[in-house]
């Protein structure tokens, strides 16, 4: 079975620099477990962590994030 895409990390400073607004995407907060949430809801989703929140973003946004 193929491994899901890894979670990338994005600082608020880098988000502003790249012109990425994460607030428009579904997210879960600091009490969520990335592995558990991926299994339960997202599957092979593209996830970006910024601050204490993890956002499910489309591939075009995921590809913009360095790392």
C-alpha atoms as a PDB file:
ATOM      1  CA  UNK A   1       0.000   0.000   0.000  1.00  0.00           C
ATOM      2  CA  UNK A   2       1.309   3.462  -0.886  1.00  0.00           C
ATOM      3  CA  UNK A   3       2.207   5.803   1.922  1.00  0.00           C
ATOM      4  CA  UNK A   4       0.109   9.012   2.170  1.00  0.00           C
ATOM      5  CA  UNK A   5       1.819  12.346   1.463  1.00  0.00           C
ATOM      6  CA  UNK A   6       3.707  13.647   4.476  1.00  0.00           C
ATOM      7  CA  UNK A   7       2.487  16.611   6.478  1.00  0.00           C
ATOM      8  CA  UNK A   8       4.348  19.808   5.629  1.00  0.00           C
ATOM      9  CA  UNK A   9       4.961  22.665   8.074  1.00  0.00           C
ATOM     10  CA  UNK A  10       4.324  26.315   7.268  1.00  0.00           C
ATOM     11  CA  UNK A  11       5.026  29.344   9.450  1.00  0.00           C
ATOM     12  CA  UNK A  12       2.676  32.317   9.369  1.00  0.00           C
ATOM     13  CA  UNK A  13       5.537  34.419   8.007  1.00  0.00           C
ATOM     14  CA  UNK A  14       6.107  32.017   5.096  1.00  0.00           C
ATOM     15  CA  UNK A  15       2.355  31.808   4.426  1.00  0.00           C
ATOM     16  CA  UNK A  16       2.197  35.599   4.008  1.00  0.00           C
ATOM     17  CA  UNK A  17       5.312  35.583   1.827  1.00  0.00           C
ATOM     18  CA  UNK A  18       3.868  32.868  -0.441  1.00  0.00           C
ATOM     19  CA  UNK A  19       0.382  34.418  -0.507  1.00  0.00           C
ATOM     20  CA  UNK A  20      -1.293  31.379   1.081  1.00  0.00           C
ATOM     21  CA  UNK A  21      -4.416  31.887   3.211  1.00  0.00           C
ATOM     22  CA  UNK A  22      -5.115  28.676   5.128  1.00  0.00           C
ATOM     23  CA  UNK A  23      -8.276  29.905   6.881  1.00  0.00           C
ATOM     24  CA  UNK A  24     -10.446  28.876   3.937  1.00  0.00           C
ATOM     25  CA  UNK A  25      -9.567  25.168   4.269  1.00  0.00           C
ATOM     26  CA  UNK A  26     -10.933  22.511   6.653  1.00  0.00           C
ATOM     27  CA  UNK A  27      -8.788  22.096   9.752  1.00  0.00           C
ATOM     28  CA  UNK A  28      -8.483  20.456  13.127  1.00  0.00           C
ATOM     29  CA  UNK A  29      -6.972  21.934  16.238  1.00  0.00           C
ATOM     30  CA  UNK A  30      -4.231  21.241  18.743  1.00  0.00           C
ATOM     31  CA  UNK A  31      -5.968  18.242  20.320  1.00  0.00           C
ATOM     32  CA  UNK A  32      -6.234  16.344  17.039  1.00  0.00           C
ATOM     33  CA  UNK A  33      -3.832  13.553  16.183  1.00  0.00           C
ATOM     34  CA  UNK A  34      -2.523  13.836  12.609  1.00  0.00           C
ATOM     35  CA  UNK A  35      -2.305  10.081  12.048  1.00  0.00           C
ATOM     36  CA  UNK A  36      -5.720   9.401  13.568  1.00  0.00           C
ATOM     37  CA  UNK A  37      -7.444  12.248  11.725  1.00  0.00           C
ATOM     38  CA  UNK A  38      -5.872  11.144   8.440  1.00  0.00           C
ATOM     39  CA  UNK A  39      -7.158   7.588   8.941  1.00  0.00           C
ATOM     40  CA  UNK A  40     -10.603   8.639  10.117  1.00  0.00           C
ATOM     41  CA  UNK A  41     -11.410  11.515   7.752  1.00  0.00           C
ATOM     42  CA  UNK A  42      -8.832  12.385   5.142  1.00  0.00           C
ATOM     43  CA  UNK A  43      -7.066   9.298   3.777  1.00  0.00           C
ATOM     44  CA  UNK A  44      -4.424  10.387   1.281  1.00  0.00           C
ATOM     45  CA  UNK A  45      -5.050  14.085   1.838  1.00  0.00           C
ATOM     46  CA  UNK A  46      -2.467  16.849   1.558  1.00  0.00           C
ATOM     47  CA  UNK A  47      -1.994  18.243   5.060  1.00  0.00           C
ATOM     48  CA  UNK A  48      -0.190  21.422   6.131  1.00  0.00           C
ATOM     49  CA  UNK A  49       0.498  22.251   9.784  1.00  0.00           C
ATOM     50  CA  UNK A  50       0.654  25.918  10.718  1.00  0.00           C
ATOM     51  CA  UNK A  51       0.845  26.901  14.357  1.00  0.00           C
ATOM     52  CA  UNK A  52      -1.322  24.534  16.400  1.00  0.00           C
ATOM     53  CA  UNK A  53      -3.688  23.668  13.521  1.00  0.00           C
ATOM     54  CA  UNK A  54      -3.521  21.184  10.661  1.00  0.00           C
ATOM     55  CA  UNK A  55      -5.222  22.099   7.387  1.00  0.00           C
ATOM     56  CA  UNK A  56      -6.421  19.887   4.549  1.00  0.00           C
ATOM     57  CA  UNK A  57      -5.329  21.733   1.400  1.00  0.00           C
ATOM     58  CA  UNK A  58      -5.502  21.034  -2.337  1.00  0.00           C
ATOM     59  CA  UNK A  59      -2.392  19.746  -4.122  1.00  0.00           C
ATOM     60  CA  UNK A  60      -1.664  23.140  -5.727  1.00  0.00           C
ATOM     61  CA  UNK A  61      -1.306  24.737  -2.271  1.00  0.00           C
ATOM     62  CA  UNK A  62       0.593  21.744  -0.852  1.00  0.00           C
ATOM     63  CA  UNK A  63       3.122  22.019  -3.689  1.00  0.00           C
ATOM     64  CA  UNK A  64       3.791  25.708  -2.879  1.00  0.00           C
ATOM     65  CA  UNK A  65       4.827  24.906   0.697  1.00  0.00           C
ATOM     66  CA  UNK A  66       8.597  24.430   1.014  1.00  0.00           C
ATOM     67  CA  UNK A  67       9.905  21.220   2.523  1.00  0.00           C
END
